[in-house]
Amino acid sequence: DRGVFLLNVLWIVYNPKTRQILIGKRENDPYLKELSWTFPGGRPSYKEDLEFYLKHEIKIKTGLDVDVKKIIFAKTYPEKREFLAIYYYCEVVGGMEKAGEKFAEIKWVKPTDVQKYFTTSLHSNLLEYLRSLE
């Protein structure tokens, strides 16, 4: 009932000009079979600086350069309690958008439209934060 969590960082990649967020489509996720559309994310290495990791991984997964602004939320998943997710808010500052590592497709959506795409749970606090971005 106590132990080590598997840390997963997720990024709310926001474009302030269009007021949209970026989501990606995953296929055959090895950890969450129900997972389809999700926020870009990953599991950081112990050896890397976390902010460097965030920027580097977003670039690999989406082709975009971002400014990491702040942590907005943390949660565990009812579908897999050993996962601890920390959500970061980031703003796009450049780059060329393209689906990269582990994403079959990426798309920009209104923040409140994520529920139309996601097949895993979204916490009410996170949904409230997304509403504040519109």
Protein backbone atom coordinates (compact mmCIF):
# COMPACT_ATOMS: atom_id res chain seq x y z
CA ASP A 1 0.00 0.00 0.00
CA ARG A 2 3.08 2.27 0.12
CA GLY A 3 6.04 2.32 -2.15
CA VAL A 4 7.76 3.93 -5.07
CA PHE A 5 5.64 5.63 -7.73
CA LEU A 6 6.43 5.57 -11.43
CA LEU A 7 6.76 9.25 -12.27
CA ASN A 8 5.28 10.50 -15.50
CA VAL A 9 5.47 14.18 -16.48
CA LEU A 10 2.83 15.56 -18.83
CA TRP A 11 2.79 18.89 -20.61
CA ILE A 12 -0.12 21.17 -21.27
CA VAL A 13 1.40 22.75 -24.40
CA TYR A 14 -0.54 25.96 -24.95
CA ASN A 15 -0.48 28.37 -27.87
CA PRO A 16 -1.54 31.76 -26.46
CA LYS A 17 -2.18 33.13 -29.97
CA THR A 18 -4.77 30.49 -30.88
CA ARG A 19 -5.80 29.64 -27.28
CA GLN A 20 -5.46 25.93 -28.06
CA ILE A 21 -3.56 23.03 -26.50
CA LEU A 22 -1.68 20.22 -28.19
CA ILE A 23 -2.69 16.58 -27.77
CA GLY A 24 -1.22 13.46 -29.31
CA LYS A 25 -2.61 10.10 -30.35
CA ARG A 26 -0.82 7.08 -28.92
CA GLU A 27 -1.27 3.56 -30.20
CA ASN A 28 -0.73 0.36 -28.22
CA ASP A 29 0.46 1.96 -24.98
CA PRO A 30 2.25 -0.76 -22.96
CA TYR A 31 1.07 0.58 -19.58
CA LEU A 32 -2.48 1.83 -20.12
CA LYS A 33 -4.34 -0.23 -22.73
CA GLU A 34 -7.26 2.25 -22.68
CA LEU A 35 -5.00 5.18 -23.63
CA SER A 36 -5.52 6.83 -27.01
CA TRP A 37 -5.25 10.65 -27.06
CA THR A 38 -3.12 12.20 -24.36
CA PHE A 39 -0.96 15.16 -23.48
CA PRO A 40 2.68 14.88 -24.54
CA GLY A 41 4.76 13.42 -21.73
CA GLY A 42 7.29 10.92 -20.57
CA ARG A 43 9.30 9.46 -17.71
CA PRO A 44 12.39 11.52 -16.86
CA SER A 45 15.82 10.07 -16.24
CA TYR A 46 17.53 10.46 -12.87
CA LYS A 47 20.59 11.87 -14.62
CA GLU A 48 19.03 14.84 -16.44
CA ASP A 49 18.03 18.28 -15.28
CA LEU A 50 14.23 18.18 -15.26
CA GLU A 51 13.66 21.44 -17.16
CA PHE A 52 16.16 20.36 -19.85
CA TYR A 53 14.35 17.01 -20.09
CA LEU A 54 10.96 18.71 -20.47
CA LYS A 55 12.09 20.98 -23.31
CA HIS A 56 14.06 18.22 -25.05
CA GLU A 57 11.23 15.66 -24.90
CA ILE A 58 8.61 18.12 -26.13
CA LYS A 59 10.87 18.88 -29.10
CA ILE A 60 11.29 15.14 -29.86
CA LYS A 61 7.59 14.35 -29.50
CA THR A 62 6.07 17.44 -31.17
CA GLY A 63 8.79 19.38 -33.00
CA LEU A 64 7.98 22.44 -30.88
CA ASP A 65 10.13 24.66 -28.68
CA VAL A 66 8.46 25.66 -25.42
CA ASP A 67 8.92 27.81 -22.38
CA VAL A 68 8.18 25.71 -19.28
CA LYS A 69 6.13 27.98 -17.01
CA LYS A 70 4.92 26.05 -13.94
CA ILE A 71 3.59 22.87 -12.38
CA ILE A 72 -0.20 22.96 -12.42
CA PHE A 73 -1.37 19.62 -11.05
CA ALA A 74 -0.36 16.17 -9.82
CA LYS A 75 -2.42 12.97 -9.60
CA THR A 76 -2.52 9.21 -9.63
CA TYR A 77 -4.73 7.30 -12.05
CA PRO A 78 -7.64 5.08 -11.03
CA GLU A 79 -6.67 2.88 -13.99
CA LYS A 80 -3.10 2.37 -12.67
CA ARG A 81 -2.47 3.66 -9.14
CA GLU A 82 1.31 3.23 -9.23
CA PHE A 83 1.63 6.04 -11.80
CA LEU A 84 2.11 9.54 -10.42
CA ALA A 85 1.60 12.22 -13.07
CA ILE A 86 2.84 15.78 -12.74
CA TYR A 87 1.36 18.24 -15.23
CA TYR A 88 3.39 21.22 -16.43
CA TYR A 89 2.06 24.27 -18.22
CA CYS A 90 4.21 25.26 -21.21
CA GLU A 91 3.84 27.88 -23.93
CA VAL A 92 4.98 27.46 -27.52
CA VAL A 93 7.85 29.76 -28.51
CA GLY A 94 8.86 28.24 -31.87
CA GLY A 95 9.62 25.11 -33.85
CA MET A 96 7.86 23.16 -36.58
CA GLU A 97 4.94 21.04 -35.42
CA LYS A 98 5.18 17.32 -36.28
CA ALA A 99 4.19 14.04 -34.64
CA GLY A 100 7.29 12.43 -33.17
CA GLU A 101 8.28 9.66 -30.79
CA LYS A 102 5.31 7.46 -29.77
CA PHE A 103 2.71 9.72 -31.41
CA ALA A 104 0.87 8.60 -34.54
CA GLU A 105 -0.76 12.03 -34.81
CA ILE A 106 -0.87 15.37 -32.99
CA LYS A 107 -3.54 18.07 -33.11
CA TRP A 108 -4.46 21.41 -31.61
CA VAL A 109 -7.79 21.55 -29.77
CA LYS A 110 -9.73 23.92 -27.56
CA PRO A 111 -8.76 23.14 -23.95
CA THR A 112 -12.29 22.04 -23.04
CA ASP A 113 -12.47 19.69 -26.06
CA VAL A 114 -9.94 17.22 -24.63
CA GLN A 115 -12.79 15.20 -23.10
CA LYS A 116 -14.00 14.43 -26.64
CA TYR A 117 -10.70 12.68 -27.38
CA PHE A 118 -9.37 11.18 -24.12
CA THR A 119 -10.31 7.62 -23.17
CA THR A 120 -8.68 7.76 -19.72
CA SER A 121 -9.79 9.75 -16.68
CA LEU A 122 -9.35 13.51 -16.41
CA HIS A 123 -9.43 14.92 -12.90
CA SER A 124 -11.98 17.69 -12.25
CA ASN A 125 -9.20 20.06 -11.05
CA LEU A 126 -7.36 19.58 -14.32
CA LEU A 127 -10.54 20.18 -16.32
CA GLU A 128 -11.15 23.37 -14.36
CA TYR A 129 -7.62 24.55 -15.19
CA LEU A 130 -8.16 23.78 -18.89
CA ARG A 131 -11.39 25.82 -18.84
CA SER A 132 -9.41 28.78 -17.50
CA LEU A 133 -7.23 28.73 -20.65
CA GLU A 134 -10.12 29.47 -23.03
